[in-house]
Amino acid sequence: MAKSIRKTMSYLSVLLFFLLFQATTVALSQPKAVEEKGPDIRLGEITFGVKEFQSTPSPLKMLEIHIQVVNHSRSSTAPPNSTTVVVVPKEIEYPEGASVPEFNPPQQETILSVPLLPNMSRILIIGFSLPKTKPASITFEIQMNPPEGEKQIVKWESSGN
């Protein structure tokens, strides 16, 4: 009887060993890592600010556009000078009854000159000088890496001062 128990125990231990080996190979296998094709750079939040600078003979007002550029990639860094942002004023509206000055701001372009690390963002600031008669609103087209890059249309509206 002792021989049959010993034989059964040895069979069970060999069976247990194979089952344990099979379970660890399944548990230790990992899915193949998804390879990125490069950084995933997109436009983030876009905000506006008006700054006034004291100068002679009259103060100068600047409209600042703060453009967030985000790298949504998990492992790819965007190299320096690889991200370009272009801002084009599209439509300018003035308050009713205001004299309309000859105000035609040119498009502005800037390049991100530092690397953009994975899951990080940078703020680019582009400025336009405002005329004495402040517009009621200006519509801008903002595009990253033209001509195929992401585009956003944003509108700045004057707060009245």
N, C-alpha and C. Protein backbone atom coordinates (compact mmCIF):
# COMPACT_ATOMS: atom_id res chain seq x y z
N MET A 1 0.83 -1.19 0.00
CA MET A 1 0.00 0.00 0.00
C MET A 1 0.87 1.25 0.00
N ALA A 2 1.99 1.19 0.72
CA ALA A 2 2.88 2.34 0.77
C ALA A 2 3.47 2.63 -0.60
N LYS A 3 3.70 1.54 -1.39
CA LYS A 3 4.23 1.74 -2.74
C LYS A 3 3.22 2.45 -3.63
N SER A 4 1.97 2.08 -3.52
CA SER A 4 0.95 2.73 -4.36
C SER A 4 0.76 4.20 -3.96
N ILE A 5 0.86 4.51 -2.66
CA ILE A 5 0.74 5.92 -2.23
C ILE A 5 1.93 6.72 -2.74
N ARG A 6 3.12 6.09 -2.63
CA ARG A 6 4.33 6.77 -3.10
C ARG A 6 4.25 7.00 -4.62
N LYS A 7 3.77 6.00 -5.36
CA LYS A 7 3.63 6.11 -6.80
C LYS A 7 2.61 7.19 -7.16
N THR A 8 1.50 7.23 -6.46
CA THR A 8 0.47 8.24 -6.70
C THR A 8 1.00 9.64 -6.40
N MET A 9 1.74 9.76 -5.31
CA MET A 9 2.31 11.06 -4.95
C MET A 9 3.31 11.54 -6.00
N SER A 10 4.11 10.61 -6.51
CA SER A 10 5.09 11.03 -7.52
C SER A 10 4.38 11.46 -8.81
N TYR A 11 3.32 10.73 -9.22
CA TYR A 11 2.55 11.14 -10.39
C TYR A 11 1.88 12.49 -10.17
N LEU A 12 1.33 12.67 -8.98
CA LEU A 12 0.68 13.97 -8.68
C LEU A 12 1.69 15.11 -8.66
N SER A 13 2.88 14.88 -8.14
CA SER A 13 3.89 15.95 -8.12
C SER A 13 4.37 16.29 -9.52
N VAL A 14 4.53 15.27 -10.40
CA VAL A 14 4.91 15.54 -11.79
C VAL A 14 3.78 16.29 -12.49
N LEU A 15 2.55 15.89 -12.27
CA LEU A 15 1.40 16.58 -12.85
C LEU A 15 1.30 18.02 -12.35
N LEU A 16 1.51 18.19 -11.05
CA LEU A 16 1.48 19.53 -10.46
C LEU A 16 2.59 20.40 -11.04
N PHE A 17 3.78 19.84 -11.24
CA PHE A 17 4.88 20.58 -11.84
C PHE A 17 4.52 21.07 -13.24
N PHE A 18 3.96 20.19 -14.08
CA PHE A 18 3.59 20.59 -15.44
C PHE A 18 2.48 21.64 -15.44
N LEU A 19 1.51 21.49 -14.53
CA LEU A 19 0.45 22.50 -14.44
C LEU A 19 1.00 23.85 -13.99
N LEU A 20 1.89 23.83 -13.03
CA LEU A 20 2.51 25.06 -12.54
C LEU A 20 3.33 25.72 -13.65
N PHE A 21 4.09 24.92 -14.40
CA PHE A 21 4.88 25.44 -15.51
C PHE A 21 3.99 26.07 -16.57
N GLN A 22 2.90 25.38 -16.89
CA GLN A 22 1.95 25.89 -17.89
C GLN A 22 1.33 27.20 -17.42
N ALA A 23 0.96 27.33 -16.17
CA ALA A 23 0.33 28.54 -15.63
C ALA A 23 1.30 29.72 -15.64
N THR A 24 2.58 29.49 -15.33
CA THR A 24 3.54 30.60 -15.30
C THR A 24 3.85 31.09 -16.71
N THR A 25 3.87 30.22 -17.70
CA THR A 25 4.14 30.69 -19.06
C THR A 25 3.01 31.55 -19.57
N VAL A 26 1.78 31.22 -19.22
CA VAL A 26 0.63 32.03 -19.63
C VAL A 26 0.65 33.36 -18.88
N ALA A 27 0.96 33.33 -17.59
CA ALA A 27 0.94 34.55 -16.78
C ALA A 27 2.09 35.48 -17.12
N LEU A 28 3.24 34.96 -17.51
CA LEU A 28 4.40 35.80 -17.78
C LEU A 28 4.43 36.36 -19.19
N SER A 29 3.63 35.81 -20.08
CA SER A 29 3.65 36.35 -21.43
C SER A 29 2.97 37.72 -21.44
N GLN A 30 3.54 38.64 -22.20
CA GLN A 30 3.01 40.01 -22.28
C GLN A 30 2.64 40.30 -23.72
N PRO A 31 1.63 41.14 -23.89
CA PRO A 31 1.28 41.50 -25.26
C PRO A 31 2.41 42.31 -25.89
N LYS A 32 2.50 42.22 -27.18
CA LYS A 32 3.53 42.93 -27.90
C LYS A 32 3.32 44.44 -27.73
N ALA A 33 4.38 45.15 -27.43
CA ALA A 33 4.29 46.60 -27.22
C ALA A 33 3.91 47.29 -28.53
N VAL A 34 2.99 48.22 -28.43
CA VAL A 34 2.58 48.98 -29.60
C VAL A 34 3.65 50.04 -29.85
N GLU A 35 4.24 49.97 -31.03
CA GLU A 35 5.29 50.93 -31.35
C GLU A 35 4.67 52.21 -31.88
N GLU A 36 5.18 53.34 -31.39
CA GLU A 36 4.70 54.63 -31.87
C GLU A 36 5.46 55.00 -33.14
N LYS A 37 4.77 55.70 -34.01
CA LYS A 37 5.38 56.10 -35.27
C LYS A 37 6.05 57.46 -35.14
N GLY A 38 6.08 58.00 -33.96
CA GLY A 38 6.66 59.32 -33.73
C GLY A 38 5.81 60.06 -32.73
N PRO A 39 6.20 61.27 -32.38
CA PRO A 39 5.44 62.03 -31.39
C PRO A 39 4.05 62.41 -31.91
N ASP A 40 3.10 62.46 -31.00
CA ASP A 40 1.71 62.84 -31.32
C ASP A 40 1.51 64.27 -30.79
N ILE A 41 1.81 65.26 -31.62
CA ILE A 41 1.78 66.66 -31.23
C ILE A 41 0.44 67.26 -31.67
N ARG A 42 -0.23 67.94 -30.71
CA ARG A 42 -1.53 68.56 -31.01
C ARG A 42 -1.62 69.93 -30.33
N LEU A 43 -2.57 70.71 -30.81
CA LEU A 43 -2.86 71.99 -30.17
C LEU A 43 -3.67 71.74 -28.91
N GLY A 44 -3.36 72.47 -27.86
CA GLY A 44 -4.11 72.37 -26.61
C GLY A 44 -4.99 73.60 -26.44
N GLU A 45 -5.03 74.11 -25.24
CA GLU A 45 -5.87 75.27 -24.91
C GLU A 45 -5.28 76.54 -25.52
N ILE A 46 -6.15 77.41 -26.02
CA ILE A 46 -5.73 78.69 -26.60
C ILE A 46 -6.44 79.79 -25.83
N THR A 47 -5.65 80.72 -25.27
CA THR A 47 -6.21 81.81 -24.47
C THR A 47 -5.66 83.14 -24.98
N PHE A 48 -6.33 84.22 -24.57
CA PHE A 48 -5.96 85.56 -24.99
C PHE A 48 -5.67 86.44 -23.79
N GLY A 49 -4.87 87.46 -24.02
CA GLY A 49 -4.61 88.47 -23.00
C GLY A 49 -4.25 89.78 -23.69
N VAL A 50 -4.68 90.91 -23.11
CA VAL A 50 -4.33 92.22 -23.65
C VAL A 50 -3.40 92.88 -22.64
N LYS A 51 -2.27 93.35 -23.13
CA LYS A 51 -1.30 94.05 -22.29
C LYS A 51 -1.13 95.46 -22.81
N GLU A 52 -0.97 96.39 -21.87
CA GLU A 52 -0.77 97.79 -22.24
C GLU A 52 0.63 98.20 -21.81
N PHE A 53 1.36 98.80 -22.75
CA PHE A 53 2.71 99.28 -22.48
C PHE A 53 2.71 100.79 -22.58
N GLN A 54 3.27 101.45 -21.57
CA GLN A 54 3.36 102.90 -21.59
C GLN A 54 4.47 103.31 -22.55
N SER A 55 4.12 104.13 -23.51
CA SER A 55 5.11 104.65 -24.46
C SER A 55 4.70 106.06 -24.87
N THR A 56 5.60 106.76 -25.51
CA THR A 56 5.33 108.12 -25.94
C THR A 56 5.02 108.09 -27.42
N PRO A 57 4.07 108.74 -27.94
CA PRO A 57 3.12 109.69 -27.37
C PRO A 57 1.88 109.04 -26.78
N SER A 58 1.59 107.79 -27.13
CA SER A 58 0.40 107.15 -26.56
C SER A 58 0.74 105.72 -26.17
N PRO A 59 -0.04 105.14 -25.25
CA PRO A 59 0.25 103.76 -24.84
C PRO A 59 0.02 102.77 -25.99
N LEU A 60 0.75 101.69 -25.95
CA LEU A 60 0.66 100.64 -26.95
C LEU A 60 -0.08 99.46 -26.34
N LYS A 61 -1.08 98.94 -27.05
CA LYS A 61 -1.83 97.77 -26.58
C LYS A 61 -1.49 96.59 -27.46
N MET A 62 -1.19 95.46 -26.78
CA MET A 62 -0.84 94.23 -27.49
C MET A 62 -1.85 93.14 -27.15
N LEU A 63 -2.27 92.44 -28.18
CA LEU A 63 -3.11 91.26 -27.99
C LEU A 63 -2.19 90.04 -28.02
N GLU A 64 -2.12 89.32 -26.90
CA GLU A 64 -1.29 88.13 -26.81
C GLU A 64 -2.16 86.89 -26.98
N ILE A 65 -1.68 85.97 -27.81
CA ILE A 65 -2.36 84.68 -27.98
C ILE A 65 -1.44 83.62 -27.37
N HIS A 66 -1.94 82.92 -26.36
CA HIS A 66 -1.19 81.87 -25.67
C HIS A 66 -1.67 80.53 -26.23
N ILE A 67 -0.76 79.84 -26.93
CA ILE A 67 -1.11 78.59 -27.61
C ILE A 67 -0.38 77.44 -26.94
N GLN A 68 -1.14 76.49 -26.43
CA GLN A 68 -0.55 75.31 -25.79
C GLN A 68 -0.30 74.25 -26.86
N VAL A 69 0.95 73.74 -26.90
CA VAL A 69 1.33 72.66 -27.80
C VAL A 69 1.61 71.45 -26.92
N VAL A 70 0.92 70.33 -27.20
CA VAL A 70 0.97 69.16 -26.32
C VAL A 70 1.51 67.95 -27.07
N ASN A 71 2.44 67.22 -26.44
CA ASN A 71 2.92 65.95 -26.97
C ASN A 71 2.17 64.84 -26.24
N HIS A 72 1.21 64.22 -26.92
CA HIS A 72 0.39 63.16 -26.33
C HIS A 72 1.07 61.79 -26.40
N SER A 73 2.26 61.73 -26.96
CA SER A 73 2.99 60.48 -27.09
C SER A 73 3.41 59.96 -25.72
N ARG A 74 3.52 58.64 -25.59
CA ARG A 74 3.94 58.04 -24.32
C ARG A 74 5.46 57.90 -24.25
N SER A 75 6.13 57.84 -25.41
CA SER A 75 7.58 57.61 -25.36
C SER A 75 8.39 58.42 -26.36
N SER A 76 7.75 59.06 -27.34
CA SER A 76 8.49 59.78 -28.37
C SER A 76 8.63 61.26 -28.03
N THR A 77 9.85 61.76 -28.15
CA THR A 77 10.13 63.18 -27.93
C THR A 77 10.13 63.89 -29.28
N ALA A 78 9.47 65.04 -29.35
CA ALA A 78 9.50 65.85 -30.56
C ALA A 78 10.81 66.62 -30.57
N PRO A 79 11.60 66.50 -31.64
CA PRO A 79 12.89 67.19 -31.66
C PRO A 79 12.72 68.71 -31.74
N PRO A 80 13.77 69.46 -31.37
CA PRO A 80 13.69 70.92 -31.47
C PRO A 80 13.47 71.34 -32.92
N ASN A 81 12.81 72.45 -33.11
CA ASN A 81 12.54 73.05 -34.43
C ASN A 81 11.71 72.16 -35.34
N SER A 82 10.94 71.23 -34.79
CA SER A 82 10.10 70.36 -35.62
C SER A 82 8.63 70.74 -35.56
N THR A 83 8.27 71.68 -34.70
CA THR A 83 6.88 72.09 -34.55
C THR A 83 6.74 73.57 -34.88
N THR A 84 5.92 73.87 -35.88
CA THR A 84 5.68 75.24 -36.32
C THR A 84 4.21 75.57 -36.07
N VAL A 85 3.96 76.78 -35.57
CA VAL A 85 2.58 77.24 -35.37
C VAL A 85 2.42 78.55 -36.14
N VAL A 86 1.36 78.61 -36.96
CA VAL A 86 1.06 79.80 -37.75
C VAL A 86 -0.29 80.35 -37.31
N VAL A 87 -0.33 81.67 -37.07
CA VAL A 87 -1.57 82.35 -36.67
C VAL A 87 -1.92 83.36 -37.76
N VAL A 88 -3.13 83.21 -38.32
CA VAL A 88 -3.58 84.08 -39.40
C VAL A 88 -4.86 84.79 -38.96
N PRO A 89 -4.85 86.15 -38.87
CA PRO A 89 -6.09 86.87 -38.58
C PRO A 89 -7.03 86.75 -39.79
N LYS A 90 -8.27 86.33 -39.55
CA LYS A 90 -9.21 86.10 -40.65
C LYS A 90 -10.27 87.20 -40.76
N GLU A 91 -10.86 87.57 -39.64
CA GLU A 91 -11.97 88.54 -39.67
C GLU A 91 -11.85 89.48 -38.49
N ILE A 92 -12.00 90.79 -38.78
CA ILE A 92 -11.92 91.81 -37.74
C ILE A 92 -13.24 92.58 -37.73
N GLU A 93 -13.87 92.66 -36.56
CA GLU A 93 -15.13 93.40 -36.43
C GLU A 93 -14.93 94.54 -35.45
N TYR A 94 -15.54 95.70 -35.78
CA TYR A 94 -15.45 96.88 -34.92
C TYR A 94 -16.81 97.19 -34.32
N PRO A 95 -16.84 97.91 -33.18
CA PRO A 95 -18.12 98.28 -32.59
C PRO A 95 -18.90 99.19 -33.55
N GLU A 96 -20.22 99.16 -33.43
CA GLU A 96 -21.06 100.01 -34.29
C GLU A 96 -20.74 101.47 -34.05
N GLY A 97 -20.61 102.23 -35.14
CA GLY A 97 -20.38 103.65 -35.04
C GLY A 97 -18.91 104.03 -34.87
N ALA A 98 -18.03 103.07 -34.70
CA ALA A 98 -16.61 103.37 -34.53
C ALA A 98 -15.97 103.59 -35.89
N SER A 99 -15.02 104.52 -35.95
CA SER A 99 -14.30 104.72 -37.20
C SER A 99 -13.38 103.51 -37.40
N VAL A 100 -13.40 102.99 -38.60
CA VAL A 100 -12.65 101.78 -38.89
C VAL A 100 -11.26 102.18 -39.40
N PRO A 101 -10.23 101.91 -38.61
CA PRO A 101 -8.88 102.25 -39.05
C PRO A 101 -8.37 101.23 -40.08
N GLU A 102 -7.33 101.60 -40.75
CA GLU A 102 -6.68 100.69 -41.69
C GLU A 102 -5.81 99.73 -40.87
N PHE A 103 -6.40 98.65 -40.43
CA PHE A 103 -5.73 97.69 -39.57
C PHE A 103 -5.77 96.33 -40.23
N ASN A 104 -4.63 95.88 -40.71
CA ASN A 104 -4.55 94.59 -41.39
C ASN A 104 -3.31 93.85 -40.88
N PRO A 105 -3.43 93.19 -39.72
CA PRO A 105 -2.25 92.53 -39.15
C PRO A 105 -1.80 91.35 -40.01
N PRO A 106 -0.49 91.17 -40.15
CA PRO A 106 0.02 90.05 -40.95
C PRO A 106 -0.05 88.74 -40.18
N GLN A 107 0.07 87.65 -40.90
CA GLN A 107 0.13 86.35 -40.21
C GLN A 107 1.44 86.26 -39.45
N GLN A 108 1.41 85.53 -38.35
CA GLN A 108 2.59 85.33 -37.51
C GLN A 108 2.92 83.85 -37.49
N GLU A 109 4.21 83.56 -37.42
CA GLU A 109 4.67 82.17 -37.38
C GLU A 109 5.75 82.05 -36.32
N THR A 110 5.70 80.95 -35.58
CA THR A 110 6.74 80.68 -34.59
C THR A 110 7.08 79.19 -34.61
N ILE A 111 8.32 78.91 -34.21
CA ILE A 111 8.81 77.53 -34.19
C ILE A 111 9.21 77.19 -32.76
N LEU A 112 8.81 76.02 -32.30
CA LEU A 112 9.18 75.56 -30.97
C LEU A 112 10.64 75.08 -31.04
N SER A 113 11.53 75.84 -30.42
CA SER A 113 12.97 75.61 -30.58
C SER A 113 13.56 74.65 -29.55
N VAL A 114 12.76 74.09 -28.69
CA VAL A 114 13.25 73.13 -27.69
C VAL A 114 12.54 71.79 -27.90
N PRO A 115 13.13 70.69 -27.44
CA PRO A 115 12.45 69.40 -27.57
C PRO A 115 11.19 69.36 -26.70
N LEU A 116 10.19 68.66 -27.19
CA LEU A 116 8.94 68.50 -26.44
C LEU A 116 8.86 67.05 -25.97
N LEU A 117 9.07 66.86 -24.67
CA LEU A 117 9.11 65.51 -24.09
C LEU A 117 7.74 64.84 -24.11
N PRO A 118 7.70 63.50 -23.99
CA PRO A 118 6.42 62.79 -23.96
C PRO A 118 5.53 63.27 -22.81
N ASN A 119 4.24 63.36 -23.07
CA ASN A 119 3.22 63.78 -22.10
C ASN A 119 3.51 65.15 -21.49
N MET A 120 4.12 66.03 -22.25
CA MET A 120 4.43 67.38 -21.78
C MET A 120 3.83 68.39 -22.74
N SER A 121 3.77 69.65 -22.28
CA SER A 121 3.26 70.72 -23.14
C SER A 121 4.11 71.96 -22.96
N ARG A 122 4.01 72.85 -23.93
CA ARG A 122 4.68 74.15 -23.90
C ARG A 122 3.66 75.19 -24.35
N ILE A 123 3.86 76.42 -23.87
CA ILE A 123 3.01 77.53 -24.28
C ILE A 123 3.81 78.43 -25.20
N LEU A 124 3.27 78.68 -26.39
CA LEU A 124 3.85 79.64 -27.32
C LEU A 124 3.01 80.91 -27.24
N ILE A 125 3.67 82.08 -27.24
CA ILE A 125 2.94 83.35 -27.18
C ILE A 125 3.23 84.14 -28.44
N ILE A 126 2.16 84.54 -29.11
CA ILE A 126 2.25 85.37 -30.31
C ILE A 126 1.49 86.65 -30.04
N GLY A 127 2.06 87.78 -30.42
CA GLY A 127 1.44 89.07 -30.12
C GLY A 127 1.11 89.87 -31.37
N PHE A 128 0.01 90.63 -31.28
CA PHE A 128 -0.40 91.56 -32.32
C PHE A 128 -0.65 92.90 -31.66
N SER A 129 -0.14 93.98 -32.26
CA SER A 129 -0.43 95.31 -31.70
C SER A 129 -1.83 95.72 -32.15
N LEU A 130 -2.58 96.31 -31.20
CA LEU A 130 -3.95 96.74 -31.48
C LEU A 130 -3.97 98.22 -31.85
N PRO A 131 -4.85 98.63 -32.75
CA PRO A 131 -4.95 100.04 -33.10
C PRO A 131 -5.62 100.84 -31.97
N LYS A 132 -5.62 102.17 -32.08
CA LYS A 132 -6.24 103.02 -31.06
C LYS A 132 -7.72 102.70 -30.92
N THR A 133 -8.40 102.51 -32.06
CA THR A 133 -9.80 102.08 -32.02
C THR A 133 -9.78 100.56 -31.91
N LYS A 134 -10.03 100.08 -30.70
CA LYS A 134 -9.91 98.65 -30.44
C LYS A 134 -11.05 97.89 -31.12
N PRO A 135 -10.73 96.81 -31.85
CA PRO A 135 -11.78 96.00 -32.50
C PRO A 135 -12.69 95.34 -31.46
N ALA A 136 -13.92 95.06 -31.86
CA ALA A 136 -14.85 94.34 -31.00
C ALA A 136 -14.46 92.86 -30.93
N SER A 137 -13.97 92.32 -32.05
CA SER A 137 -13.54 90.92 -32.07
C SER A 137 -12.61 90.68 -33.26
N ILE A 138 -11.78 89.67 -33.11
CA ILE A 138 -10.90 89.22 -34.19
C ILE A 138 -10.96 87.70 -34.20
N THR A 139 -11.18 87.14 -35.40
CA THR A 139 -11.18 85.70 -35.58
C THR A 139 -9.84 85.28 -36.15
N PHE A 140 -9.24 84.25 -35.54
CA PHE A 140 -7.94 83.77 -35.97
C PHE A 140 -8.03 82.31 -36.39
N GLU A 141 -7.21 81.96 -37.38
CA GLU A 141 -7.02 80.56 -37.74
C GLU A 141 -5.63 80.18 -37.25
N ILE A 142 -5.55 79.16 -36.42
CA ILE A 142 -4.28 78.72 -35.87
C ILE A 142 -4.02 77.32 -36.41
N GLN A 143 -2.85 77.17 -37.02
CA GLN A 143 -2.52 75.87 -37.61
C GLN A 143 -1.13 75.43 -37.16
N MET A 144 -1.04 74.16 -36.86
CA MET A 144 0.24 73.58 -36.48
C MET A 144 0.80 72.80 -37.66
N ASN A 145 2.08 72.98 -37.93
CA ASN A 145 2.79 72.31 -39.02
C ASN A 145 2.02 72.34 -40.34
N PRO A 146 1.82 73.57 -40.90
CA PRO A 146 1.08 73.67 -42.15
C PRO A 146 1.84 72.96 -43.28
N PRO A 147 1.17 72.53 -44.32
CA PRO A 147 -0.24 72.73 -44.64
C PRO A 147 -1.15 71.60 -44.16
N GLU A 148 -0.59 70.45 -43.72
CA GLU A 148 -1.45 69.31 -43.34
C GLU A 148 -1.81 69.27 -41.87
N GLY A 149 -1.18 70.08 -41.02
CA GLY A 149 -1.36 69.97 -39.58
C GLY A 149 -2.73 70.39 -39.08
N GLU A 150 -2.93 70.16 -37.81
CA GLU A 150 -4.20 70.47 -37.14
C GLU A 150 -4.50 71.97 -37.19
N LYS A 151 -5.79 72.31 -37.41
CA LYS A 151 -6.24 73.71 -37.46
C LYS A 151 -7.30 73.95 -36.41
N GLN A 152 -7.30 75.17 -35.87
CA GLN A 152 -8.38 75.60 -34.98
C GLN A 152 -8.73 77.03 -35.35
N ILE A 153 -10.02 77.32 -35.28
CA ILE A 153 -10.51 78.69 -35.46
C ILE A 153 -10.91 79.18 -34.07
N VAL A 154 -10.33 80.33 -33.67
CA VAL A 154 -10.64 80.90 -32.36
C VAL A 154 -11.02 82.37 -32.53
N LYS A 155 -11.80 82.88 -31.58
CA LYS A 155 -12.26 84.26 -31.67
C LYS A 155 -11.96 84.99 -30.38
N TRP A 156 -11.29 86.14 -30.50
CA TRP A 156 -11.05 87.02 -29.36
C TRP A 156 -12.11 88.10 -29.39
N GLU A 157 -12.72 88.35 -28.24
CA GLU A 157 -13.73 89.41 -28.14
C GLU A 157 -13.28 90.41 -27.08
N SER A 158 -13.37 91.70 -27.44
CA SER A 158 -12.93 92.77 -26.57
C SER A 158 -13.81 92.82 -25.32
N SER A 159 -13.18 93.14 -24.18
CA SER A 159 -13.94 93.22 -22.95
C SER A 159 -14.57 94.61 -22.76
N GLY A 160 -14.28 95.51 -23.70
CA GLY A 160 -14.93 96.82 -23.64
C GLY A 160 -14.04 97.93 -23.14
N ASN A 161 -12.89 97.64 -22.51
CA ASN A 161 -12.05 98.74 -22.04
C ASN A 161 -10.99 99.06 -23.02
